[in-house]
């Protein structure tokens, strides 16, 4: 029963993200709104980690299964993608490097901030 309640909380927050996606005319996916709502609720204490922890762990553990359908779709679309494969590879490499660099810089900023906070 605990898992169903926890999963219901996650689904409810996802539903609110869907509503925001339809209400706010920005090109931001509903899942991002949902993650921001969940993050804010956890950071402010409105929602305790224990309220969603087990279901969240389960969803993370089955995440690789969620990529099977898109992978099959890519394989099915191979004939269409072949003519654009060089562009797809270049874009994938550039975006991957950009994400790694941004993540590294943000992580370094957070570490420096925590070190300065600890010295006070």
N, C-alpha and C. Protein backbone atom coordinates (compact mmCIF):
# COMPACT_ATOMS: atom_id res chain seq x y z
N UNK A 1 0.83 -1.20 0.00
CA UNK A 1 0.00 0.00 0.00
C UNK A 1 0.87 1.26 0.00
N UNK A 2 2.01 1.17 0.70
CA UNK A 2 2.90 2.32 0.78
C UNK A 2 3.40 2.72 -0.61
N UNK A 3 3.73 1.71 -1.43
CA UNK A 3 4.23 1.99 -2.77
C UNK A 3 3.17 2.67 -3.63
N UNK A 4 1.93 2.25 -3.48
CA UNK A 4 0.86 2.84 -4.27
C UNK A 4 0.66 4.30 -3.88
N UNK A 5 0.71 4.60 -2.60
CA UNK A 5 0.56 5.99 -2.14
C UNK A 5 1.73 6.84 -2.65
N UNK A 6 2.94 6.31 -2.53
CA UNK A 6 4.12 7.06 -2.99
C UNK A 6 4.05 7.29 -4.50
N UNK A 7 3.67 6.25 -5.23
CA UNK A 7 3.55 6.39 -6.68
C UNK A 7 2.44 7.38 -7.03
N UNK A 8 1.38 7.38 -6.26
CA UNK A 8 0.28 8.33 -6.47
C UNK A 8 0.74 9.76 -6.28
N UNK A 9 1.60 9.99 -5.27
CA UNK A 9 2.15 11.34 -5.05
C UNK A 9 2.97 11.78 -6.26
N UNK A 10 3.81 10.87 -6.75
CA UNK A 10 4.64 11.20 -7.92
C UNK A 10 3.76 11.47 -9.14
N UNK A 11 2.73 10.66 -9.33
CA UNK A 11 1.81 10.87 -10.46
C UNK A 11 1.05 12.18 -10.33
N UNK A 12 0.65 12.52 -9.11
CA UNK A 12 -0.07 13.78 -8.89
C UNK A 12 0.81 14.97 -9.24
N UNK A 13 2.07 14.92 -8.82
CA UNK A 13 3.00 16.01 -9.14
C UNK A 13 3.24 16.07 -10.65
N UNK A 14 3.33 14.91 -11.29
CA UNK A 14 3.47 14.88 -12.75
C UNK A 14 2.25 15.48 -13.43
N UNK A 15 1.06 15.21 -12.88
CA UNK A 15 -0.17 15.77 -13.43
C UNK A 15 -0.18 17.29 -13.30
N UNK A 16 0.28 17.80 -12.17
CA UNK A 16 0.37 19.25 -12.01
C UNK A 16 1.33 19.83 -13.04
N UNK A 17 2.45 19.12 -13.30
CA UNK A 17 3.38 19.54 -14.35
C UNK A 17 2.71 19.59 -15.72
N UNK A 18 1.85 18.61 -16.00
CA UNK A 18 1.11 18.60 -17.26
C UNK A 18 0.17 19.81 -17.35
N UNK A 19 -0.50 20.11 -16.25
CA UNK A 19 -1.40 21.27 -16.23
C UNK A 19 -0.63 22.57 -16.46
N UNK A 20 0.52 22.69 -15.81
CA UNK A 20 1.35 23.89 -16.00
C UNK A 20 1.83 23.99 -17.44
N UNK A 21 2.18 22.85 -18.03
CA UNK A 21 2.65 22.85 -19.41
C UNK A 21 1.57 23.39 -20.35
N UNK A 22 0.33 23.06 -20.08
CA UNK A 22 -0.77 23.55 -20.93
C UNK A 22 -1.13 25.00 -20.61
N UNK A 23 -0.94 25.42 -19.35
CA UNK A 23 -1.33 26.77 -18.94
C UNK A 23 -0.27 27.82 -19.29
N UNK A 24 1.01 27.43 -19.24
CA UNK A 24 2.09 28.38 -19.48
C UNK A 24 2.61 28.16 -20.90
N UNK A 25 2.55 29.17 -21.75
CA UNK A 25 2.94 28.99 -23.16
C UNK A 25 4.45 29.07 -23.39
N UNK A 26 5.20 28.23 -22.70
CA UNK A 26 6.65 28.16 -22.90
C UNK A 26 7.01 26.79 -23.45
N UNK A 27 8.08 26.69 -24.22
CA UNK A 27 8.47 25.39 -24.77
C UNK A 27 9.23 24.52 -23.77
N UNK A 28 8.66 24.34 -22.59
CA UNK A 28 9.26 23.54 -21.53
C UNK A 28 8.42 22.28 -21.37
N UNK A 29 9.04 21.10 -21.40
CA UNK A 29 8.26 19.87 -21.25
C UNK A 29 7.59 19.78 -19.88
N UNK A 30 6.47 19.10 -19.84
CA UNK A 30 5.71 18.93 -18.60
C UNK A 30 6.53 18.19 -17.55
N UNK A 31 7.38 17.28 -17.98
CA UNK A 31 8.19 16.53 -17.01
C UNK A 31 9.16 17.44 -16.26
N UNK A 32 9.64 18.48 -16.92
CA UNK A 32 10.53 19.44 -16.26
C UNK A 32 9.77 20.22 -15.19
N UNK A 33 8.55 20.64 -15.53
CA UNK A 33 7.72 21.30 -14.52
C UNK A 33 7.51 20.38 -13.33
N UNK A 34 7.21 19.12 -13.59
CA UNK A 34 6.98 18.17 -12.52
C UNK A 34 8.21 17.97 -11.65
N UNK A 35 9.38 17.86 -12.30
CA UNK A 35 10.61 17.69 -11.52
C UNK A 35 10.90 18.92 -10.67
N UNK A 36 10.66 20.11 -11.22
CA UNK A 36 10.88 21.33 -10.45
C UNK A 36 9.93 21.41 -9.26
N UNK A 37 8.68 21.02 -9.46
CA UNK A 37 7.72 21.02 -8.36
C UNK A 37 8.16 20.03 -7.28
N UNK A 38 8.55 18.82 -7.69
CA UNK A 38 8.99 17.81 -6.73
C UNK A 38 10.24 18.27 -6.00
N UNK A 39 11.19 18.84 -6.73
CA UNK A 39 12.42 19.35 -6.11
C UNK A 39 12.12 20.44 -5.09
N UNK A 40 11.26 21.38 -5.48
CA UNK A 40 10.89 22.47 -4.57
C UNK A 40 10.18 21.94 -3.34
N UNK A 41 9.28 21.00 -3.53
CA UNK A 41 8.55 20.43 -2.40
C UNK A 41 9.49 19.71 -1.45
N UNK A 42 10.48 19.00 -1.99
CA UNK A 42 11.44 18.30 -1.13
C UNK A 42 12.37 19.27 -0.42
N UNK A 43 12.81 20.31 -1.11
CA UNK A 43 13.74 21.29 -0.51
C UNK A 43 13.07 22.13 0.57
N UNK A 44 11.81 22.46 0.38
CA UNK A 44 11.12 23.30 1.34
C UNK A 44 10.53 22.51 2.50
N UNK A 45 10.54 21.20 2.40
CA UNK A 45 9.98 20.38 3.47
C UNK A 45 8.49 20.15 3.35
N UNK A 46 7.87 20.65 2.28
CA UNK A 46 6.44 20.40 2.07
C UNK A 46 6.20 18.90 1.84
N UNK A 47 7.21 18.23 1.30
CA UNK A 47 7.15 16.80 1.05
C UNK A 47 8.42 16.19 1.60
N UNK A 48 8.29 15.17 2.40
CA UNK A 48 9.46 14.52 2.97
C UNK A 48 9.94 13.43 2.01
N UNK A 49 11.25 13.21 2.01
CA UNK A 49 11.83 12.21 1.12
C UNK A 49 11.23 10.83 1.37
N UNK A 50 10.92 10.55 2.62
CA UNK A 50 10.34 9.23 2.95
C UNK A 50 8.97 9.02 2.29
N UNK A 51 8.32 10.10 1.86
CA UNK A 51 7.01 9.99 1.22
C UNK A 51 7.10 9.45 -0.21
N UNK A 52 8.30 9.53 -0.84
CA UNK A 52 8.44 9.09 -2.23
C UNK A 52 9.70 8.25 -2.48
N UNK A 53 10.46 7.95 -1.44
CA UNK A 53 11.77 7.34 -1.61
C UNK A 53 11.71 5.95 -2.25
N UNK A 54 10.91 5.05 -1.73
CA UNK A 54 10.90 3.68 -2.23
C UNK A 54 10.39 3.61 -3.67
N UNK A 55 9.32 4.34 -3.96
CA UNK A 55 8.81 4.34 -5.33
C UNK A 55 9.80 4.99 -6.29
N UNK A 56 10.47 6.04 -5.84
CA UNK A 56 11.48 6.69 -6.67
C UNK A 56 12.63 5.75 -6.98
N UNK A 57 13.07 4.98 -5.97
CA UNK A 57 14.14 4.00 -6.20
C UNK A 57 13.69 2.95 -7.20
N UNK A 58 12.44 2.50 -7.07
CA UNK A 58 11.93 1.50 -8.01
C UNK A 58 11.91 2.06 -9.44
N UNK A 59 11.41 3.28 -9.59
CA UNK A 59 11.34 3.87 -10.93
C UNK A 59 12.73 4.05 -11.53
N UNK A 60 13.70 4.41 -10.71
CA UNK A 60 15.07 4.55 -11.20
C UNK A 60 15.63 3.19 -11.60
N UNK A 61 15.29 2.15 -10.83
CA UNK A 61 15.83 0.82 -11.14
C UNK A 61 15.28 0.26 -12.44
N UNK A 62 14.06 0.64 -12.83
CA UNK A 62 13.50 0.13 -14.09
C UNK A 62 13.67 1.12 -15.24
N UNK A 63 14.40 2.20 -15.02
CA UNK A 63 14.57 3.22 -16.05
C UNK A 63 15.14 2.66 -17.36
N UNK A 64 16.11 1.73 -17.33
CA UNK A 64 16.60 1.20 -18.61
C UNK A 64 15.50 0.58 -19.46
N UNK A 65 14.49 -0.01 -18.84
CA UNK A 65 13.38 -0.59 -19.59
C UNK A 65 12.62 0.47 -20.37
N UNK A 66 12.61 1.69 -19.84
CA UNK A 66 11.86 2.77 -20.49
C UNK A 66 12.52 3.21 -21.81
N UNK A 67 13.77 2.83 -22.03
CA UNK A 67 14.47 3.22 -23.25
C UNK A 67 14.33 2.19 -24.36
N UNK A 68 13.70 1.05 -24.08
CA UNK A 68 13.58 0.01 -25.10
C UNK A 68 12.68 0.47 -26.25
N UNK A 69 11.52 1.01 -25.94
CA UNK A 69 10.60 1.45 -27.00
C UNK A 69 11.20 2.55 -27.89
N UNK A 70 11.81 3.60 -27.30
CA UNK A 70 12.43 4.59 -28.19
C UNK A 70 13.57 4.02 -29.03
N UNK A 71 14.33 3.06 -28.46
CA UNK A 71 15.42 2.45 -29.22
C UNK A 71 14.88 1.66 -30.41
N UNK A 72 13.79 0.94 -30.18
CA UNK A 72 13.16 0.19 -31.28
C UNK A 72 12.64 1.17 -32.33
N UNK A 73 12.09 2.29 -31.89
CA UNK A 73 11.62 3.30 -32.83
C UNK A 73 12.74 3.86 -33.68
N UNK A 74 13.91 4.06 -33.06
CA UNK A 74 15.07 4.54 -33.82
C UNK A 74 15.52 3.51 -34.85
N UNK A 75 15.53 2.26 -34.43
CA UNK A 75 15.93 1.20 -35.37
C UNK A 75 14.94 1.13 -36.52
N UNK A 76 13.67 1.28 -36.20
CA UNK A 76 12.63 1.24 -37.23
C UNK A 76 12.75 2.42 -38.20
N UNK A 77 13.26 3.55 -37.71
CA UNK A 77 13.40 4.76 -38.53
C UNK A 77 14.78 4.88 -39.18
N UNK A 78 15.57 3.82 -39.15
CA UNK A 78 16.94 3.89 -39.64
C UNK A 78 17.02 4.36 -41.09
N UNK A 79 16.10 3.93 -41.93
CA UNK A 79 16.12 4.31 -43.34
C UNK A 79 16.01 5.82 -43.53
N UNK A 80 15.19 6.46 -42.71
CA UNK A 80 15.01 7.91 -42.79
C UNK A 80 16.22 8.63 -42.21
N UNK A 81 16.79 8.07 -41.13
CA UNK A 81 17.89 8.73 -40.43
C UNK A 81 19.23 8.62 -41.15
N UNK A 82 19.37 7.64 -42.04
CA UNK A 82 20.67 7.40 -42.68
C UNK A 82 21.23 8.62 -43.39
N UNK A 83 20.40 9.38 -44.06
CA UNK A 83 20.91 10.52 -44.80
C UNK A 83 21.35 11.67 -43.89
N UNK A 84 20.90 11.66 -42.64
CA UNK A 84 21.26 12.72 -41.68
C UNK A 84 22.21 12.23 -40.59
N UNK A 85 22.79 11.05 -40.75
CA UNK A 85 23.56 10.44 -39.66
C UNK A 85 24.75 11.29 -39.22
N UNK A 86 25.43 11.93 -40.16
CA UNK A 86 26.58 12.77 -39.78
C UNK A 86 26.12 13.94 -38.92
N UNK A 87 25.05 14.60 -39.32
CA UNK A 87 24.52 15.72 -38.54
C UNK A 87 24.07 15.25 -37.16
N UNK A 88 23.42 14.09 -37.10
CA UNK A 88 22.95 13.56 -35.82
C UNK A 88 24.13 13.27 -34.90
N UNK A 89 25.19 12.67 -35.43
CA UNK A 89 26.37 12.36 -34.62
C UNK A 89 27.04 13.64 -34.13
N UNK A 90 27.22 14.62 -35.01
CA UNK A 90 27.86 15.89 -34.62
C UNK A 90 27.04 16.58 -33.53
N UNK A 91 25.74 16.66 -33.72
CA UNK A 91 24.88 17.30 -32.72
C UNK A 91 24.93 16.55 -31.40
N UNK A 92 24.93 15.22 -31.46
CA UNK A 92 24.98 14.41 -30.24
C UNK A 92 26.29 14.64 -29.49
N UNK A 93 27.40 14.66 -30.21
CA UNK A 93 28.71 14.87 -29.56
C UNK A 93 28.79 16.26 -28.95
N UNK A 94 28.39 17.28 -29.70
CA UNK A 94 28.46 18.66 -29.19
C UNK A 94 27.56 18.83 -27.96
N UNK A 95 26.34 18.32 -28.03
CA UNK A 95 25.43 18.48 -26.89
C UNK A 95 25.92 17.69 -25.68
N UNK A 96 26.51 16.52 -25.90
CA UNK A 96 27.05 15.73 -24.78
C UNK A 96 28.19 16.47 -24.10
N UNK A 97 29.10 17.01 -24.90
CA UNK A 97 30.23 17.76 -24.33
C UNK A 97 29.71 19.00 -23.58
N UNK A 98 28.72 19.69 -24.13
CA UNK A 98 28.16 20.87 -23.47
C UNK A 98 27.52 20.51 -22.14
N UNK A 99 26.79 19.41 -22.10
CA UNK A 99 26.15 18.98 -20.84
C UNK A 99 27.21 18.59 -19.81
N UNK A 100 28.23 17.86 -20.23
CA UNK A 100 29.30 17.47 -19.30
C UNK A 100 30.01 18.70 -18.76
N UNK A 101 30.32 19.66 -19.63
CA UNK A 101 31.01 20.88 -19.19
C UNK A 101 30.13 21.69 -18.23
N UNK A 102 28.87 21.86 -18.57
CA UNK A 102 27.96 22.63 -17.70
C UNK A 102 27.81 21.95 -16.35
N UNK A 103 27.66 20.63 -16.36
CA UNK A 103 27.53 19.89 -15.10
C UNK A 103 28.78 20.04 -14.25
N UNK A 104 29.94 19.93 -14.88
CA UNK A 104 31.20 20.09 -14.15
C UNK A 104 31.34 21.46 -13.54
N UNK A 105 31.02 22.51 -14.30
CA UNK A 105 31.13 23.87 -13.77
C UNK A 105 30.14 24.12 -12.63
N UNK A 106 28.94 23.66 -12.78
CA UNK A 106 27.94 23.84 -11.72
C UNK A 106 28.35 23.08 -10.47
N UNK A 107 28.87 21.86 -10.65
CA UNK A 107 29.33 21.08 -9.51
C UNK A 107 30.47 21.79 -8.79
N UNK A 108 31.41 22.34 -9.55
CA UNK A 108 32.52 23.07 -8.94
C UNK A 108 32.02 24.31 -8.19
N UNK A 109 31.05 25.01 -8.75
CA UNK A 109 30.48 26.18 -8.05
C UNK A 109 29.83 25.77 -6.74
N UNK A 110 29.09 24.68 -6.76
CA UNK A 110 28.43 24.21 -5.53
C UNK A 110 29.47 23.80 -4.50
N UNK A 111 30.51 23.10 -4.91
CA UNK A 111 31.56 22.68 -3.98
C UNK A 111 32.25 23.90 -3.37
N UNK A 112 32.59 24.88 -4.20
CA UNK A 112 33.23 26.10 -3.69
C UNK A 112 32.31 26.83 -2.72
N UNK A 113 31.03 26.91 -3.06
CA UNK A 113 30.07 27.59 -2.18
C UNK A 113 29.99 26.87 -0.84
N UNK A 114 29.94 25.56 -0.85
CA UNK A 114 29.85 24.80 0.41
C UNK A 114 31.14 24.93 1.21
N UNK A 115 32.31 25.00 0.54
CA UNK A 115 33.57 25.17 1.25
C UNK A 115 33.62 26.54 1.94
N UNK A 116 33.18 27.60 1.22
CA UNK A 116 33.14 28.94 1.81
C UNK A 116 32.14 28.98 2.96
N UNK A 117 31.02 28.30 2.80
CA UNK A 117 30.01 28.27 3.86
C UNK A 117 30.53 27.53 5.08
N UNK A 118 31.33 26.50 4.87
CA UNK A 118 31.89 25.72 5.98
C UNK A 118 32.96 26.48 6.74
N UNK A 119 33.66 27.42 6.10
CA UNK A 119 34.73 28.19 6.75
C UNK A 119 34.15 29.27 7.67
N UNK A 120 32.89 29.62 7.46
CA UNK A 120 32.30 30.67 8.28
C UNK A 120 31.99 30.23 9.64
